[in-house]
PDB file of N, CA and C in Angstrom:
ATOM      1  N   UNK A   1     -32.796   4.029  22.542  1.00  0.00           N
ATOM      2  CA  UNK A   1     -31.804   2.990  22.496  1.00  0.00           C
ATOM      3  C   UNK A   1     -31.827   2.211  21.184  1.00  0.00           C
ATOM      4  N   UNK A   2     -33.013   1.957  20.579  1.00  0.00           N
ATOM      5  CA  UNK A   2     -33.007   1.218  19.311  1.00  0.00           C
ATOM      6  C   UNK A   2     -32.231   1.940  18.212  1.00  0.00           C
ATOM      7  N   UNK A   3     -32.205   3.285  18.244  1.00  0.00           N
ATOM      8  CA  UNK A   3     -31.455   3.988  17.204  1.00  0.00           C
ATOM      9  C   UNK A   3     -29.955   3.747  17.356  1.00  0.00           C
ATOM     10  N   UNK A   4     -29.483   3.582  18.601  1.00  0.00           N
ATOM     11  CA  UNK A   4     -28.066   3.280  18.831  1.00  0.00           C
ATOM     12  C   UNK A   4     -27.731   1.900  18.266  1.00  0.00           C
ATOM     13  N   UNK A   5     -28.583   0.923  18.516  1.00  0.00           N
ATOM     14  CA  UNK A   5     -28.347  -0.426  17.986  1.00  0.00           C
ATOM     15  C   UNK A   5     -28.394  -0.425  16.461  1.00  0.00           C
ATOM     16  N   UNK A   6     -29.301   0.323  15.887  1.00  0.00           N
ATOM     17  CA  UNK A   6     -29.395   0.412  14.426  1.00  0.00           C
ATOM     18  C   UNK A   6     -28.125   1.048  13.862  1.00  0.00           C
ATOM     19  N   UNK A   7     -27.635   2.111  14.529  1.00  0.00           N
ATOM     20  CA  UNK A   7     -26.419   2.783  14.089  1.00  0.00           C
ATOM     21  C   UNK A   7     -25.222   1.826  14.164  1.00  0.00           C
ATOM     22  N   UNK A   8     -25.111   1.107  15.274  1.00  0.00           N
ATOM     23  CA  UNK A   8     -23.990   0.164  15.417  1.00  0.00           C
ATOM     24  C   UNK A   8     -24.089  -0.972  14.414  1.00  0.00           C
ATOM     25  N   UNK A   9     -25.310  -1.430  14.129  1.00  0.00           N
ATOM     26  CA  UNK A   9     -25.494  -2.486  13.142  1.00  0.00           C
ATOM     27  C   UNK A   9     -25.084  -2.008  11.748  1.00  0.00           C
ATOM     28  N   UNK A  10     -25.432  -0.786  11.399  1.00  0.00           N
ATOM     29  CA  UNK A  10     -25.045  -0.233  10.090  1.00  0.00           C
ATOM     30  C   UNK A  10     -23.531  -0.101  10.003  1.00  0.00           C
ATOM     31  N   UNK A  11     -22.892   0.383  11.083  1.00  0.00           N
ATOM     32  CA  UNK A  11     -21.429   0.485  11.083  1.00  0.00           C
ATOM     33  C   UNK A  11     -20.784  -0.896  10.945  1.00  0.00           C
ATOM     34  N   UNK A  12     -21.329  -1.877  11.627  1.00  0.00           N
ATOM     35  CA  UNK A  12     -20.799  -3.237  11.540  1.00  0.00           C
ATOM     36  C   UNK A  12     -20.940  -3.784  10.118  1.00  0.00           C
ATOM     37  N   UNK A  13     -22.090  -3.581   9.510  1.00  0.00           N
ATOM     38  CA  UNK A  13     -22.292  -4.073   8.145  1.00  0.00           C
ATOM     39  C   UNK A  13     -21.376  -3.371   7.147  1.00  0.00           C
ATOM     40  N   UNK A  14     -21.193  -2.067   7.305  1.00  0.00           N
ATOM     41  CA  UNK A  14     -20.270  -1.345   6.416  1.00  0.00           C
ATOM     42  C   UNK A  14     -18.832  -1.833   6.609  1.00  0.00           C
ATOM     43  N   UNK A  15     -18.440  -2.067   7.844  1.00  0.00           N
ATOM     44  CA  UNK A  15     -17.092  -2.567   8.115  1.00  0.00           C
ATOM     45  C   UNK A  15     -16.872  -3.958   7.541  1.00  0.00           C
ATOM     46  N   UNK A  16     -17.861  -4.829   7.700  1.00  0.00           N
ATOM     47  CA  UNK A  16     -17.732  -6.179   7.149  1.00  0.00           C
ATOM     48  C   UNK A  16     -17.723  -6.161   5.622  1.00  0.00           C
ATOM     49  N   UNK A  17     -18.506  -5.269   5.030  1.00  0.00           N
ATOM     50  CA  UNK A  17     -18.497  -5.142   3.572  1.00  0.00           C
ATOM     51  C   UNK A  17     -17.123  -4.680   3.088  1.00  0.00           C
ATOM     52  N   UNK A  18     -16.567  -3.676   3.752  1.00  0.00           N
ATOM     53  CA  UNK A  18     -15.228  -3.197   3.386  1.00  0.00           C
ATOM     54  C   UNK A  18     -14.177  -4.279   3.554  1.00  0.00           C
ATOM     55  N   UNK A  19     -14.257  -5.005   4.664  1.00  0.00           N
ATOM     56  CA  UNK A  19     -13.302  -6.095   4.887  1.00  0.00           C
ATOM     57  C   UNK A  19     -13.442  -7.163   3.814  1.00  0.00           C
ATOM     58  N   UNK A  20     -14.674  -7.492   3.449  1.00  0.00           N
ATOM     59  CA  UNK A  20     -14.906  -8.492   2.407  1.00  0.00           C
ATOM     60  C   UNK A  20     -14.349  -8.055   1.067  1.00  0.00           C
ATOM     61  N   UNK A  21     -14.507  -6.777   0.735  1.00  0.00           N
ATOM     62  CA  UNK A  21     -13.960  -6.275  -0.529  1.00  0.00           C
ATOM     63  C   UNK A  21     -12.433  -6.343  -0.541  1.00  0.00           C
ATOM     64  N   UNK A  22     -11.811  -5.939   0.550  1.00  0.00           N
ATOM     65  CA  UNK A  22     -10.345  -5.980   0.618  1.00  0.00           C
ATOM     66  C   UNK A  22      -9.846  -7.422   0.555  1.00  0.00           C
ATOM     67  N   UNK A  23     -10.534  -8.326   1.246  1.00  0.00           N
ATOM     68  CA  UNK A  23     -10.151  -9.736   1.217  1.00  0.00           C
ATOM     69  C   UNK A  23     -10.297 -10.313  -0.190  1.00  0.00           C
ATOM     70  N   UNK A  24     -11.406  -9.982  -0.856  1.00  0.00           N
ATOM     71  CA  UNK A  24     -11.632 -10.494  -2.210  1.00  0.00           C
ATOM     72  C   UNK A  24     -10.580  -9.963  -3.177  1.00  0.00           C
ATOM     73  N   UNK A  25     -10.241  -8.685  -3.065  1.00  0.00           N
ATOM     74  CA  UNK A  25      -9.205  -8.126  -3.940  1.00  0.00           C
ATOM     75  C   UNK A  25      -7.858  -8.793  -3.683  1.00  0.00           C
ATOM     76  N   UNK A  26      -7.528  -9.015  -2.432  1.00  0.00           N
ATOM     77  CA  UNK A  26      -6.248  -9.641  -2.106  1.00  0.00           C
ATOM     78  C   UNK A  26      -6.186 -11.098  -2.489  1.00  0.00           C
ATOM     79  N   UNK A  27      -7.326 -11.771  -2.535  1.00  0.00           N
ATOM     80  CA  UNK A  27      -7.344 -13.201  -2.815  1.00  0.00           C
ATOM     81  C   UNK A  27      -7.487 -13.514  -4.297  1.00  0.00           C
ATOM     82  N   UNK A  28      -8.377 -12.818  -4.974  1.00  0.00           N
ATOM     83  CA  UNK A  28      -8.747 -13.202  -6.334  1.00  0.00           C
ATOM     84  C   UNK A  28      -8.080 -12.386  -7.433  1.00  0.00           C
ATOM     85  N   UNK A  29      -7.573 -11.198  -7.138  1.00  0.00           N
ATOM     86  CA  UNK A  29      -6.963 -10.361  -8.172  1.00  0.00           C
ATOM     87  C   UNK A  29      -5.460 -10.576  -8.143  1.00  0.00           C
ATOM     88  N   UNK A  30      -4.930 -11.057  -9.238  1.00  0.00           N
ATOM     89  CA  UNK A  30      -3.489 -11.293  -9.345  1.00  0.00           C
ATOM     90  C   UNK A  30      -2.869 -10.188 -10.208  1.00  0.00           C
ATOM     91  N   UNK A  31      -1.826  -9.527  -9.724  1.00  0.00           N
ATOM     92  CA  UNK A  31      -1.213  -8.465 -10.520  1.00  0.00           C
ATOM     93  C   UNK A  31      -0.438  -9.039 -11.708  1.00  0.00           C
ATOM     94  N   UNK A  32      -0.401  -8.280 -12.774  1.00  0.00           N
ATOM     95  CA  UNK A  32       0.382  -8.681 -13.943  1.00  0.00           C
ATOM     96  C   UNK A  32       1.842  -8.324 -13.684  1.00  0.00           C
ATOM     97  N   UNK A  33       2.722  -9.300 -13.818  1.00  0.00           N
ATOM     98  CA  UNK A  33       4.144  -9.044 -13.590  1.00  0.00           C
ATOM     99  C   UNK A  33       4.854  -8.946 -14.926  1.00  0.00           C
ATOM    100  N   UNK A  34       5.906  -8.172 -14.950  1.00  0.00           N
ATOM    101  CA  UNK A  34       6.715  -8.025 -16.157  1.00  0.00           C
ATOM    102  C   UNK A  34       8.133  -7.651 -15.738  1.00  0.00           C
ATOM    103  N   UNK A  35       9.113  -7.954 -16.568  1.00  0.00           N
ATOM    104  CA  UNK A  35      10.489  -7.584 -16.232  1.00  0.00           C
ATOM    105  C   UNK A  35      10.657  -6.066 -16.253  1.00  0.00           C
ATOM    106  N   UNK A  36      11.524  -5.590 -15.398  1.00  0.00           N
ATOM    107  CA  UNK A  36      11.740  -4.159 -15.314  1.00  0.00           C
ATOM    108  C   UNK A  36      13.229  -3.880 -15.200  1.00  0.00           C
ATOM    109  N   UNK A  37      13.697  -2.875 -15.899  1.00  0.00           N
ATOM    110  CA  UNK A  37      15.090  -2.450 -15.776  1.00  0.00           C
ATOM    111  C   UNK A  37      15.133  -0.937 -15.868  1.00  0.00           C
ATOM    112  N   UNK A  38      16.146  -0.373 -15.221  1.00  0.00           N
ATOM    113  CA  UNK A  38      16.296   1.074 -15.219  1.00  0.00           C
ATOM    114  C   UNK A  38      17.781   1.394 -15.237  1.00  0.00           C
ATOM    115  N   UNK A  39      18.171   2.314 -16.108  1.00  0.00           N
ATOM    116  CA  UNK A  39      19.563   2.721 -16.188  1.00  0.00           C
ATOM    117  C   UNK A  39      19.904   3.626 -15.011  1.00  0.00           C
ATOM    118  N   UNK A  40      21.078   3.381 -14.425  1.00  0.00           N
ATOM    119  CA  UNK A  40      21.556   4.192 -13.313  1.00  0.00           C
ATOM    120  C   UNK A  40      22.782   4.941 -13.797  1.00  0.00           C
ATOM    121  N   UNK A  41      22.786   6.273 -13.733  1.00  0.00           N
ATOM    122  CA  UNK A  41      23.970   7.018 -14.161  1.00  0.00           C
ATOM    123  C   UNK A  41      25.186   6.676 -13.283  1.00  0.00           C
ATOM    124  N   UNK A  42      26.362   6.633 -13.917  1.00  0.00           N
ATOM    125  CA  UNK A  42      27.568   6.257 -13.180  1.00  0.00           C
ATOM    126  C   UNK A  42      27.906   7.251 -12.079  1.00  0.00           C
ATOM    127  N   UNK A  43      27.550   8.512 -12.253  1.00  0.00           N
ATOM    128  CA  UNK A  43      27.888   9.500 -11.219  1.00  0.00           C
ATOM    129  C   UNK A  43      27.151   9.195  -9.913  1.00  0.00           C
ATOM    130  N   UNK A  44      26.038   8.485  -9.992  1.00  0.00           N
ATOM    131  CA  UNK A  44      25.325   8.123  -8.772  1.00  0.00           C
ATOM    132  C   UNK A  44      25.982   6.949  -8.053  1.00  0.00           C
ATOM    133  N   UNK A  45      26.849   6.213  -8.747  1.00  0.00           N
ATOM    134  CA  UNK A  45      27.508   5.063  -8.140  1.00  0.00           C
ATOM    135  C   UNK A  45      28.824   5.428  -7.468  1.00  0.00           C
ATOM    136  N   UNK A  46      29.375   6.573  -7.778  1.00  0.00           N
ATOM    137  CA  UNK A  46      30.643   6.977  -7.180  1.00  0.00           C
ATOM    138  C   UNK A  46      30.423   7.367  -5.720  1.00  0.00           C
ATOM    139  N   UNK A  47      31.370   6.999  -4.840  1.00  0.00           N
ATOM    140  CA  UNK A  47      31.227   7.395  -3.443  1.00  0.00           C
ATOM    141  C   UNK A  47      31.343   8.920  -3.315  1.00  0.00           C
ATOM    142  N   UNK A  48      30.687   9.507  -2.365  1.00  0.00           N
ATOM    143  CA  UNK A  48      30.770  10.956  -2.210  1.00  0.00           C
ATOM    144  C   UNK A  48      32.180  11.373  -1.805  1.00  0.00           C
ATOM    145  N   UNK A  49      32.602  12.521  -2.274  1.00  0.00           N
ATOM    146  CA  UNK A  49      33.932  13.029  -1.955  1.00  0.00           C
ATOM    147  C   UNK A  49      33.907  13.593  -0.537  1.00  0.00           C
ATOM    148  N   UNK A  50      34.991  13.329   0.173  1.00  0.00           N
ATOM    149  CA  UNK A  50      35.063  13.844   1.533  1.00  0.00           C
ATOM    150  C   UNK A  50      35.382  15.328   1.480  1.00  0.00           C
ATOM    151  N   UNK A  51      34.786  16.115   2.362  1.00  0.00           N
ATOM    152  CA  UNK A  51      35.097  17.549   2.370  1.00  0.00           C
ATOM    153  C   UNK A  51      36.548  17.776   2.828  1.00  0.00           C
ATOM    154  N   UNK A  52      37.129  18.854   2.350  1.00  0.00           N
ATOM    155  CA  UNK A  52      38.513  19.175   2.722  1.00  0.00           C
ATOM    156  C   UNK A  52      38.569  19.523   4.194  1.00  0.00           C
ATOM    157  N   UNK A  53      39.597  18.988   4.857  1.00  0.00           N
ATOM    158  CA  UNK A  53      39.758  19.251   6.291  1.00  0.00           C
ATOM    159  C   UNK A  53      40.482  20.584   6.466  1.00  0.00           C
ATOM    160  N   UNK A  54      39.957  21.431   7.330  1.00  0.00           N
ATOM    161  CA  UNK A  54      40.627  22.741   7.520  1.00  0.00           C
ATOM    162  C   UNK A  54      41.927  22.654   8.276  1.00  0.00           C
TER     163      UNK A  54
END
């Protein structure tokens, strides 16, 4: 039984460590923002042509 408790304790510590790392990254690391633009071809803005009705 002690090996089961040791295994669960190790899993708990690994989970808490992972959670702490994710929390720290989300809290303390700020992404660098910059303006972004992208050209869109005009052919992509045209509505699709309806198929010919038989």
